[in-house]
Amino acid sequence: MYVHVCLNIGYHIYMFVVKCRLDYCGISLLIMGSAVPWLYYSFYCRLSTKIIYLAIIISLGIICITISMLDRFSRPDYRPIRAG
């Protein structure tokens, strides 16, 4: 009986952590996506500047997604960074 209870709780904790990671991933994607219209209309006539800014935003977004998917980032030590 004890093993089934512990495995069940462990599974729910694991799923909670996975959902939190996906939440951080979704937030990063939404931030990246919200910058695209601003770049499109701000640099309408300057294609090279638009591409440079877009590449910077996409690369920073990918870095944020990668870091938020790491197991190390889920520890309580990083809670102030995740909240800030």
N, C-alpha and C. Protein backbone atom coordinates (compact mmCIF):
# COMPACT_ATOMS: atom_id res chain seq x y z
N MET A 1 0.82 -1.19 0.00
CA MET A 1 0.00 0.00 0.00
C MET A 1 0.87 1.26 0.00
N TYR A 2 1.93 1.29 0.79
CA TYR A 2 2.79 2.46 0.90
C TYR A 2 3.45 2.78 -0.44
N VAL A 3 3.86 1.75 -1.17
CA VAL A 3 4.54 1.97 -2.44
C VAL A 3 3.60 2.63 -3.44
N HIS A 4 2.36 2.21 -3.51
CA HIS A 4 1.41 2.79 -4.45
C HIS A 4 1.11 4.25 -4.12
N VAL A 5 1.04 4.57 -2.85
CA VAL A 5 0.78 5.95 -2.46
C VAL A 5 1.97 6.83 -2.82
N CYS A 6 3.18 6.38 -2.55
CA CYS A 6 4.37 7.19 -2.83
C CYS A 6 4.58 7.35 -4.33
N LEU A 7 4.36 6.30 -5.09
CA LEU A 7 4.53 6.42 -6.53
C LEU A 7 3.49 7.38 -7.12
N ASN A 8 2.30 7.33 -6.61
CA ASN A 8 1.25 8.22 -7.10
C ASN A 8 1.59 9.68 -6.80
N ILE A 9 2.06 9.97 -5.61
CA ILE A 9 2.43 11.33 -5.24
C ILE A 9 3.62 11.79 -6.07
N GLY A 10 4.61 10.90 -6.26
CA GLY A 10 5.77 11.25 -7.07
C GLY A 10 5.39 11.59 -8.49
N TYR A 11 4.43 10.86 -9.04
CA TYR A 11 3.97 11.12 -10.40
C TYR A 11 3.30 12.49 -10.48
N HIS A 12 2.48 12.83 -9.49
CA HIS A 12 1.80 14.12 -9.51
C HIS A 12 2.79 15.27 -9.35
N ILE A 13 3.80 15.09 -8.53
CA ILE A 13 4.83 16.13 -8.39
C ILE A 13 5.60 16.29 -9.69
N TYR A 14 5.93 15.17 -10.34
CA TYR A 14 6.64 15.22 -11.61
C TYR A 14 5.80 15.96 -12.66
N MET A 15 4.52 15.67 -12.73
CA MET A 15 3.65 16.33 -13.70
C MET A 15 3.51 17.82 -13.39
N PHE A 16 3.51 18.19 -12.11
CA PHE A 16 3.45 19.60 -11.73
C PHE A 16 4.70 20.33 -12.22
N VAL A 17 5.86 19.70 -12.06
CA VAL A 17 7.12 20.32 -12.51
C VAL A 17 7.12 20.47 -14.02
N VAL A 18 6.64 19.44 -14.73
CA VAL A 18 6.59 19.51 -16.18
C VAL A 18 5.65 20.63 -16.63
N LYS A 19 4.50 20.76 -15.97
CA LYS A 19 3.56 21.82 -16.32
C LYS A 19 4.13 23.21 -16.04
N CYS A 20 4.90 23.34 -14.97
CA CYS A 20 5.54 24.63 -14.68
C CYS A 20 6.56 24.97 -15.76
N ARG A 21 7.32 23.98 -16.20
CA ARG A 21 8.30 24.23 -17.26
C ARG A 21 7.61 24.64 -18.54
N LEU A 22 6.52 23.96 -18.88
CA LEU A 22 5.79 24.32 -20.09
C LEU A 22 5.17 25.71 -19.97
N ASP A 23 4.80 26.10 -18.77
CA ASP A 23 4.26 27.44 -18.54
C ASP A 23 5.33 28.49 -18.82
N TYR A 24 6.54 28.27 -18.31
CA TYR A 24 7.64 29.21 -18.57
C TYR A 24 7.96 29.25 -20.06
N CYS A 25 7.87 28.10 -20.72
CA CYS A 25 8.13 28.05 -22.16
C CYS A 25 7.07 28.86 -22.91
N GLY A 26 5.82 28.71 -22.52
CA GLY A 26 4.75 29.46 -23.17
C GLY A 26 4.86 30.95 -22.95
N ILE A 27 5.26 31.34 -21.75
CA ILE A 27 5.45 32.77 -21.47
C ILE A 27 6.55 33.33 -22.35
N SER A 28 7.64 32.60 -22.51
CA SER A 28 8.74 33.07 -23.36
C SER A 28 8.29 33.19 -24.82
N LEU A 29 7.51 32.20 -25.28
CA LEU A 29 7.02 32.27 -26.65
C LEU A 29 6.07 33.45 -26.87
N LEU A 30 5.23 33.72 -25.88
CA LEU A 30 4.32 34.87 -26.01
C LEU A 30 5.07 36.19 -26.01
N ILE A 31 6.12 36.29 -25.22
CA ILE A 31 6.91 37.52 -25.21
C ILE A 31 7.62 37.70 -26.55
N MET A 32 8.18 36.60 -27.07
CA MET A 32 8.83 36.70 -28.38
C MET A 32 7.82 37.08 -29.45
N GLY A 33 6.64 36.47 -29.41
CA GLY A 33 5.63 36.75 -30.42
C GLY A 33 5.07 38.16 -30.33
N SER A 34 5.02 38.71 -29.13
CA SER A 34 4.49 40.07 -28.99
C SER A 34 5.47 41.11 -29.51
N ALA A 35 6.72 40.77 -29.67
CA ALA A 35 7.70 41.72 -30.18
C ALA A 35 7.70 41.80 -31.70
N VAL A 36 7.16 40.78 -32.36
CA VAL A 36 7.20 40.72 -33.83
C VAL A 36 6.39 41.86 -34.48
N PRO A 37 5.15 42.12 -34.09
CA PRO A 37 4.44 43.23 -34.73
C PRO A 37 5.11 44.59 -34.51
N TRP A 38 5.65 44.79 -33.31
CA TRP A 38 6.34 46.04 -33.04
C TRP A 38 7.55 46.19 -33.98
N LEU A 39 8.31 45.12 -34.16
CA LEU A 39 9.46 45.18 -35.07
C LEU A 39 9.01 45.38 -36.51
N TYR A 40 7.94 44.71 -36.89
CA TYR A 40 7.47 44.82 -38.27
C TYR A 40 7.08 46.25 -38.62
N TYR A 41 6.34 46.90 -37.75
CA TYR A 41 5.89 48.26 -38.05
C TYR A 41 6.94 49.33 -37.73
N SER A 42 7.80 49.07 -36.79
CA SER A 42 8.83 50.07 -36.45
C SER A 42 9.91 50.16 -37.51
N PHE A 43 10.29 49.02 -38.05
CA PHE A 43 11.37 48.98 -39.05
C PHE A 43 10.82 48.52 -40.39
N TYR A 44 9.71 49.11 -40.81
CA TYR A 44 9.04 48.69 -42.03
C TYR A 44 9.92 48.88 -43.26
N CYS A 45 10.66 49.97 -43.31
CA CYS A 45 11.48 50.27 -44.48
C CYS A 45 12.93 49.84 -44.32
N ARG A 46 13.29 49.32 -43.19
CA ARG A 46 14.69 48.93 -42.94
C ARG A 46 14.75 47.42 -42.67
N LEU A 47 14.91 46.67 -43.74
CA LEU A 47 14.87 45.22 -43.64
C LEU A 47 16.04 44.66 -42.82
N SER A 48 17.23 45.19 -43.02
CA SER A 48 18.39 44.65 -42.31
C SER A 48 18.28 44.88 -40.80
N THR A 49 17.83 46.05 -40.40
CA THR A 49 17.66 46.33 -38.97
C THR A 49 16.58 45.44 -38.38
N LYS A 50 15.51 45.24 -39.13
CA LYS A 50 14.41 44.38 -38.66
C LYS A 50 14.91 42.96 -38.45
N ILE A 51 15.70 42.45 -39.37
CA ILE A 51 16.22 41.08 -39.26
C ILE A 51 17.17 40.95 -38.08
N ILE A 52 18.01 41.95 -37.86
CA ILE A 52 18.95 41.92 -36.74
C ILE A 52 18.20 41.90 -35.41
N TYR A 53 17.24 42.80 -35.24
CA TYR A 53 16.47 42.83 -34.00
C TYR A 53 15.66 41.55 -33.80
N LEU A 54 15.09 41.03 -34.88
CA LEU A 54 14.32 39.81 -34.79
C LEU A 54 15.21 38.62 -34.40
N ALA A 55 16.42 38.57 -34.96
CA ALA A 55 17.36 37.51 -34.60
C ALA A 55 17.76 37.60 -33.13
N ILE A 56 17.96 38.81 -32.64
CA ILE A 56 18.32 38.99 -31.23
C ILE A 56 17.18 38.54 -30.32
N ILE A 57 15.96 38.94 -30.63
CA ILE A 57 14.82 38.56 -29.79
C ILE A 57 14.58 37.05 -29.83
N ILE A 58 14.69 36.44 -31.00
CA ILE A 58 14.49 35.00 -31.10
C ILE A 58 15.59 34.24 -30.36
N SER A 59 16.84 34.68 -30.50
CA SER A 59 17.92 33.98 -29.81
C SER A 59 17.80 34.12 -28.29
N LEU A 60 17.44 35.30 -27.80
CA LEU A 60 17.24 35.46 -26.36
C LEU A 60 16.06 34.63 -25.87
N GLY A 61 15.00 34.53 -26.67
CA GLY A 61 13.86 33.69 -26.31
C GLY A 61 14.22 32.23 -26.25
N ILE A 62 15.02 31.76 -27.20
CA ILE A 62 15.45 30.36 -27.20
C ILE A 62 16.35 30.09 -26.00
N ILE A 63 17.19 31.03 -25.64
CA ILE A 63 18.03 30.87 -24.44
C ILE A 63 17.15 30.78 -23.19
N CYS A 64 16.15 31.63 -23.09
CA CYS A 64 15.23 31.59 -21.93
C CYS A 64 14.48 30.27 -21.87
N ILE A 65 14.01 29.78 -23.00
CA ILE A 65 13.30 28.50 -23.03
C ILE A 65 14.23 27.37 -22.63
N THR A 66 15.46 27.38 -23.13
CA THR A 66 16.42 26.33 -22.80
C THR A 66 16.74 26.32 -21.32
N ILE A 67 16.97 27.49 -20.75
CA ILE A 67 17.30 27.57 -19.32
C ILE A 67 16.12 27.16 -18.46
N SER A 68 14.92 27.54 -18.86
CA SER A 68 13.76 27.17 -18.04
C SER A 68 13.43 25.70 -18.11
N MET A 69 13.92 24.98 -19.11
CA MET A 69 13.68 23.54 -19.21
C MET A 69 14.70 22.71 -18.42
N LEU A 70 15.74 23.33 -17.92
CA LEU A 70 16.76 22.59 -17.18
C LEU A 70 16.25 22.16 -15.80
N ASP A 71 16.69 20.98 -15.36
CA ASP A 71 16.32 20.51 -14.02
C ASP A 71 16.88 21.41 -12.93
N ARG A 72 18.05 21.94 -13.17
CA ARG A 72 18.71 22.78 -12.17
C ARG A 72 17.89 24.03 -11.86
N PHE A 73 17.18 24.55 -12.85
CA PHE A 73 16.41 25.77 -12.69
C PHE A 73 15.17 25.56 -11.82
N SER A 74 14.75 24.32 -11.64
CA SER A 74 13.54 24.02 -10.86
C SER A 74 13.79 23.98 -9.35
N ARG A 75 15.03 24.06 -8.94
CA ARG A 75 15.33 24.00 -7.50
C ARG A 75 14.88 25.26 -6.78
N PRO A 76 14.66 25.16 -5.47
CA PRO A 76 14.21 26.34 -4.70
C PRO A 76 15.22 27.48 -4.66
N ASP A 77 16.50 27.18 -4.94
CA ASP A 77 17.51 28.25 -4.95
C ASP A 77 17.21 29.33 -5.97
N TYR A 78 16.58 28.93 -7.08
CA TYR A 78 16.33 29.83 -8.18
C TYR A 78 14.92 30.44 -8.16
N ARG A 79 14.20 30.26 -7.09
CA ARG A 79 12.85 30.80 -7.00
C ARG A 79 12.79 32.32 -7.17
N PRO A 80 13.71 33.10 -6.56
CA PRO A 80 13.65 34.56 -6.78
C PRO A 80 13.90 34.94 -8.25
N ILE A 81 14.72 34.19 -8.92
CA ILE A 81 15.00 34.49 -10.34
C ILE A 81 13.79 34.15 -11.19
N ARG A 82 13.14 33.02 -10.90
CA ARG A 82 11.94 32.64 -11.66
C ARG A 82 10.81 33.63 -11.44
N ALA A 83 10.68 34.13 -10.23
CA ALA A 83 9.58 35.06 -9.93
C ALA A 83 9.88 36.46 -10.44
N GLY A 84 11.14 36.80 -10.60
CA GLY A 84 11.51 38.16 -10.99
C GLY A 84 11.58 38.29 -12.44
